[in-house]
Amino acid sequence: MAVHSNWFLLGWGVVAVASIWKFWTLTASYRGKLRSSGAPPSSARQQLERAWQKSNR
């Protein structure tokens, strides 16, 4: 039984789209928090860097 390789590509495409959708929904609250804070991007970046440094200790 021969399976055409396009079916595998279609399957991986579905998995990729589902993964992107899940990531987008999981990060929606975080993105909303950043927008509502009104903080300039530089201060948001500094806050993220501090959090990253704390997590690496």
PDB file of N, CA and C in Angstrom:
ATOM      1  N   MET A   1       0.848  -1.183   0.000  1.00  0.00           N
ATOM      2  CA  MET A   1       0.000   0.000   0.000  1.00  0.00           C
ATOM      3  C   MET A   1       0.889   1.240   0.000  1.00  0.00           C
ATOM      4  N   ALA A   2       0.732   2.052  -0.991  1.00  0.00           N
ATOM      5  CA  ALA A   2       1.529   3.271  -1.113  1.00  0.00           C
ATOM      6  C   ALA A   2       0.719   4.462  -0.607  1.00  0.00           C
ATOM      7  N   VAL A   3       1.363   5.261   0.211  1.00  0.00           N
ATOM      8  CA  VAL A   3       0.728   6.468   0.736  1.00  0.00           C
ATOM      9  C   VAL A   3       1.436   7.665   0.134  1.00  0.00           C
ATOM     10  N   HIS A   4       0.678   8.551  -0.417  1.00  0.00           N
ATOM     11  CA  HIS A   4       1.259   9.721  -1.045  1.00  0.00           C
ATOM     12  C   HIS A   4       1.838  10.646   0.026  1.00  0.00           C
ATOM     13  N   SER A   5       2.994  11.205  -0.221  1.00  0.00           N
ATOM     14  CA  SER A   5       3.691  12.014   0.788  1.00  0.00           C
ATOM     15  C   SER A   5       2.944  13.305   1.122  1.00  0.00           C
ATOM     16  N   ASN A   6       2.061  13.757   0.260  1.00  0.00           N
ATOM     17  CA  ASN A   6       1.299  14.972   0.573  1.00  0.00           C
ATOM     18  C   ASN A   6       0.387  14.782   1.783  1.00  0.00           C
ATOM     19  N   TRP A   7      -0.051  13.556   2.043  1.00  0.00           N
ATOM     20  CA  TRP A   7      -0.877  13.301   3.228  1.00  0.00           C
ATOM     21  C   TRP A   7      -0.085  13.539   4.504  1.00  0.00           C
ATOM     22  N   PHE A   8       1.193  13.175   4.488  1.00  0.00           N
ATOM     23  CA  PHE A   8       2.044  13.438   5.652  1.00  0.00           C
ATOM     24  C   PHE A   8       2.232  14.940   5.847  1.00  0.00           C
ATOM     25  N   LEU A   9       2.428  15.653   4.753  1.00  0.00           N
ATOM     26  CA  LEU A   9       2.576  17.104   4.846  1.00  0.00           C
ATOM     27  C   LEU A   9       1.307  17.756   5.358  1.00  0.00           C
ATOM     28  N   LEU A  10       0.166  17.258   4.925  1.00  0.00           N
ATOM     29  CA  LEU A  10      -1.102  17.780   5.413  1.00  0.00           C
ATOM     30  C   LEU A  10      -1.250  17.534   6.911  1.00  0.00           C
ATOM     31  N   GLY A  11      -0.889  16.355   7.351  1.00  0.00           N
ATOM     32  CA  GLY A  11      -0.950  16.038   8.780  1.00  0.00           C
ATOM     33  C   GLY A  11      -0.058  16.945   9.607  1.00  0.00           C
ATOM     34  N   TRP A  12       1.163  17.145   9.163  1.00  0.00           N
ATOM     35  CA  TRP A  12       2.077  18.042   9.876  1.00  0.00           C
ATOM     36  C   TRP A  12       1.584  19.485   9.835  1.00  0.00           C
ATOM     37  N   GLY A  13       0.964  19.865   8.748  1.00  0.00           N
ATOM     38  CA  GLY A  13       0.400  21.214   8.662  1.00  0.00           C
ATOM     39  C   GLY A  13      -0.704  21.425   9.683  1.00  0.00           C
ATOM     40  N   VAL A  14      -1.551  20.422   9.847  1.00  0.00           N
ATOM     41  CA  VAL A  14      -2.627  20.508  10.842  1.00  0.00           C
ATOM     42  C   VAL A  14      -2.033  20.616  12.244  1.00  0.00           C
ATOM     43  N   VAL A  15      -1.022  19.823  12.525  1.00  0.00           N
ATOM     44  CA  VAL A  15      -0.368  19.874  13.840  1.00  0.00           C
ATOM     45  C   VAL A  15       0.265  21.247  14.065  1.00  0.00           C
ATOM     46  N   ALA A  16       0.900  21.794  13.051  1.00  0.00           N
ATOM     47  CA  ALA A  16       1.542  23.103  13.187  1.00  0.00           C
ATOM     48  C   ALA A  16       0.509  24.196  13.442  1.00  0.00           C
ATOM     49  N   VAL A  17      -0.575  24.185  12.712  1.00  0.00           N
ATOM     50  CA  VAL A  17      -1.618  25.197  12.900  1.00  0.00           C
ATOM     51  C   VAL A  17      -2.235  25.065  14.288  1.00  0.00           C
ATOM     52  N   ALA A  18      -2.479  23.844  14.743  1.00  0.00           N
ATOM     53  CA  ALA A  18      -3.045  23.639  16.080  1.00  0.00           C
ATOM     54  C   ALA A  18      -2.085  24.119  17.158  1.00  0.00           C
ATOM     55  N   SER A  19      -0.795  23.899  16.968  1.00  0.00           N
ATOM     56  CA  SER A  19       0.199  24.350  17.941  1.00  0.00           C
ATOM     57  C   SER A  19       0.263  25.874  18.009  1.00  0.00           C
ATOM     58  N   ILE A  20       0.226  26.508  16.876  1.00  0.00           N
ATOM     59  CA  ILE A  20       0.241  27.971  16.832  1.00  0.00           C
ATOM     60  C   ILE A  20      -1.000  28.519  17.515  1.00  0.00           C
ATOM     61  N   TRP A  21      -2.154  27.918  17.228  1.00  0.00           N
ATOM     62  CA  TRP A  21      -3.414  28.360  17.845  1.00  0.00           C
ATOM     63  C   TRP A  21      -3.355  28.205  19.363  1.00  0.00           C
ATOM     64  N   LYS A  22      -2.839  27.085  19.856  1.00  0.00           N
ATOM     65  CA  LYS A  22      -2.750  26.839  21.299  1.00  0.00           C
ATOM     66  C   LYS A  22      -1.807  27.853  21.944  1.00  0.00           C
ATOM     67  N   PHE A  23      -0.661  28.096  21.328  1.00  0.00           N
ATOM     68  CA  PHE A  23       0.288  29.074  21.859  1.00  0.00           C
ATOM     69  C   PHE A  23      -0.358  30.456  21.915  1.00  0.00           C
ATOM     70  N   TRP A  24      -1.087  30.817  20.874  1.00  0.00           N
ATOM     71  CA  TRP A  24      -1.722  32.137  20.807  1.00  0.00           C
ATOM     72  C   TRP A  24      -2.750  32.297  21.922  1.00  0.00           C
ATOM     73  N   THR A  25      -3.540  31.259  22.170  1.00  0.00           N
ATOM     74  CA  THR A  25      -4.554  31.356  23.222  1.00  0.00           C
ATOM     75  C   THR A  25      -3.930  31.333  24.610  1.00  0.00           C
ATOM     76  N   LEU A  26      -2.847  30.585  24.794  1.00  0.00           N
ATOM     77  CA  LEU A  26      -2.191  30.550  26.104  1.00  0.00           C
ATOM     78  C   LEU A  26      -1.531  31.874  26.449  1.00  0.00           C
ATOM     79  N   THR A  27      -1.037  32.581  25.448  1.00  0.00           N
ATOM     80  CA  THR A  27      -0.335  33.834  25.709  1.00  0.00           C
ATOM     81  C   THR A  27      -1.241  35.057  25.605  1.00  0.00           C
ATOM     82  N   ALA A  28      -2.532  34.860  25.353  1.00  0.00           N
ATOM     83  CA  ALA A  28      -3.448  35.992  25.176  1.00  0.00           C
ATOM     84  C   ALA A  28      -3.532  36.858  26.424  1.00  0.00           C
ATOM     85  N   SER A  29      -3.614  36.247  27.591  1.00  0.00           N
ATOM     86  CA  SER A  29      -3.732  37.044  28.818  1.00  0.00           C
ATOM     87  C   SER A  29      -2.455  37.841  29.066  1.00  0.00           C
ATOM     88  N   TYR A  30      -1.309  37.247  28.786  1.00  0.00           N
ATOM     89  CA  TYR A  30      -0.052  37.963  28.969  1.00  0.00           C
ATOM     90  C   TYR A  30       0.058  39.141  28.002  1.00  0.00           C
ATOM     91  N   ARG A  31      -0.322  38.927  26.751  1.00  0.00           N
ATOM     92  CA  ARG A  31      -0.282  40.008  25.781  1.00  0.00           C
ATOM     93  C   ARG A  31      -1.251  41.121  26.160  1.00  0.00           C
ATOM     94  N   GLY A  32      -2.416  40.762  26.663  1.00  0.00           N
ATOM     95  CA  GLY A  32      -3.387  41.759  27.101  1.00  0.00           C
ATOM     96  C   GLY A  32      -2.879  42.564  28.274  1.00  0.00           C
ATOM     97  N   LYS A  33      -2.159  41.899  29.175  1.00  0.00           N
ATOM     98  CA  LYS A  33      -1.592  42.588  30.336  1.00  0.00           C
ATOM     99  C   LYS A  33      -0.538  43.605  29.895  1.00  0.00           C
ATOM    100  N   LEU A  34       0.257  43.237  28.928  1.00  0.00           N
ATOM    101  CA  LEU A  34       1.288  44.155  28.436  1.00  0.00           C
ATOM    102  C   LEU A  34       0.653  45.371  27.762  1.00  0.00           C
ATOM    103  N   ARG A  35      -0.406  45.147  26.999  1.00  0.00           N
ATOM    104  CA  ARG A  35      -1.067  46.260  26.309  1.00  0.00           C
ATOM    105  C   ARG A  35      -1.750  47.196  27.302  1.00  0.00           C
ATOM    106  N   SER A  36      -2.402  46.630  28.299  1.00  0.00           N
ATOM    107  CA  SER A  36      -3.162  47.447  29.241  1.00  0.00           C
ATOM    108  C   SER A  36      -2.266  48.195  30.213  1.00  0.00           C
ATOM    109  N   SER A  37      -1.041  47.723  30.416  1.00  0.00           N
ATOM    110  CA  SER A  37      -0.156  48.396  31.365  1.00  0.00           C
ATOM    111  C   SER A  37       0.292  49.752  30.837  1.00  0.00           C
ATOM    112  N   GLY A  38       0.309  49.923  29.534  1.00  0.00           N
ATOM    113  CA  GLY A  38       0.711  51.187  28.939  1.00  0.00           C
ATOM    114  C   GLY A  38       2.197  51.467  29.085  1.00  0.00           C
ATOM    115  N   ALA A  39       2.949  50.475  29.495  1.00  0.00           N
ATOM    116  CA  ALA A  39       4.387  50.649  29.677  1.00  0.00           C
ATOM    117  C   ALA A  39       5.068  50.684  28.315  1.00  0.00           C
ATOM    118  N   PRO A  40       6.064  51.548  28.189  1.00  0.00           N
ATOM    119  CA  PRO A  40       6.812  51.562  26.922  1.00  0.00           C
ATOM    120  C   PRO A  40       7.549  50.237  26.729  1.00  0.00           C
ATOM    121  N   PRO A  41       7.828  49.880  25.513  1.00  0.00           N
ATOM    122  CA  PRO A  41       8.472  48.586  25.242  1.00  0.00           C
ATOM    123  C   PRO A  41       9.798  48.405  25.965  1.00  0.00           C
ATOM    124  N   SER A  42      10.556  49.479  26.171  1.00  0.00           N
ATOM    125  CA  SER A  42      11.851  49.325  26.835  1.00  0.00           C
ATOM    126  C   SER A  42      11.678  48.886  28.288  1.00  0.00           C
ATOM    127  N   SER A  43      10.686  49.429  28.989  1.00  0.00           N
ATOM    128  CA  SER A  43      10.490  49.020  30.377  1.00  0.00           C
ATOM    129  C   SER A  43       9.932  47.599  30.443  1.00  0.00           C
ATOM    130  N   ALA A  44       9.099  47.232  29.501  1.00  0.00           N
ATOM    131  CA  ALA A  44       8.595  45.860  29.454  1.00  0.00           C
ATOM    132  C   ALA A  44       9.746  44.898  29.205  1.00  0.00           C
ATOM    133  N   ARG A  45      10.664  45.288  28.349  1.00  0.00           N
ATOM    134  CA  ARG A  45      11.825  44.445  28.062  1.00  0.00           C
ATOM    135  C   ARG A  45      12.697  44.288  29.299  1.00  0.00           C
ATOM    136  N   GLN A  46      12.914  45.374  30.026  1.00  0.00           N
ATOM    137  CA  GLN A  46      13.717  45.308  31.247  1.00  0.00           C
ATOM    138  C   GLN A  46      13.054  44.399  32.287  1.00  0.00           C
ATOM    139  N   GLN A  47      11.742  44.480  32.381  1.00  0.00           N
ATOM    140  CA  GLN A  47      11.023  43.634  33.320  1.00  0.00           C
ATOM    141  C   GLN A  47      11.172  42.161  32.945  1.00  0.00           C
ATOM    142  N   LEU A  48      11.075  41.854  31.666  1.00  0.00           N
ATOM    143  CA  LEU A  48      11.255  40.478  31.211  1.00  0.00           C
ATOM    144  C   LEU A  48      12.679  39.989  31.466  1.00  0.00           C
ATOM    145  N   GLU A  49      13.667  40.851  31.250  1.00  0.00           N
ATOM    146  CA  GLU A  49      15.051  40.463  31.490  1.00  0.00           C
ATOM    147  C   GLU A  49      15.295  40.184  32.966  1.00  0.00           C
ATOM    148  N   ARG A  50      14.719  40.998  33.855  1.00  0.00           N
ATOM    149  CA  ARG A  50      14.858  40.764  35.302  1.00  0.00           C
ATOM    150  C   ARG A  50      14.221  39.431  35.689  1.00  0.00           C
ATOM    151  N   ALA A  51      13.054  39.157  35.155  1.00  0.00           N
ATOM    152  CA  ALA A  51      12.377  37.895  35.460  1.00  0.00           C
ATOM    153  C   ALA A  51      13.200  36.714  34.948  1.00  0.00           C
ATOM    154  N   TRP A  52      13.809  36.855  33.786  1.00  0.00           N
ATOM    155  CA  TRP A  52      14.627  35.790  33.212  1.00  0.00           C
ATOM    156  C   TRP A  52      15.869  35.556  34.077  1.00  0.00           C
ATOM    157  N   GLN A  53      16.496  36.637  34.525  1.00  0.00           N
ATOM    158  CA  GLN A  53      17.683  36.502  35.370  1.00  0.00           C
ATOM    159  C   GLN A  53      17.333  35.839  36.698  1.00  0.00           C
ATOM    160  N   LYS A  54      16.198  36.174  37.281  1.00  0.00           N
ATOM    161  CA  LYS A  54      15.779  35.539  38.530  1.00  0.00           C
ATOM    162  C   LYS A  54      15.522  34.044  38.339  1.00  0.00           C
ATOM    163  N   SER A  55      14.983  33.689  37.183  1.00  0.00           N
ATOM    164  CA  SER A  55      14.675  32.279  36.949  1.00  0.00           C
ATOM    165  C   SER A  55      15.932  31.446  36.712  1.00  0.00           C
ATOM    166  N   ASN A  56      17.022  32.082  36.342  1.00  0.00           N
ATOM    167  CA  ASN A  56      18.268  31.354  36.078  1.00  0.00           C
ATOM    168  C   ASN A  56      19.141  31.230  37.314  1.00  0.00           C
ATOM    169  N   ARG A  57      18.719  31.779  38.404  1.00  0.00           N
ATOM    170  CA  ARG A  57      19.529  31.678  39.627  1.00  0.00           C
ATOM    171  C   ARG A  57      19.313  30.377  40.315  1.00  0.00           C
TER     172      ARG A  57
END
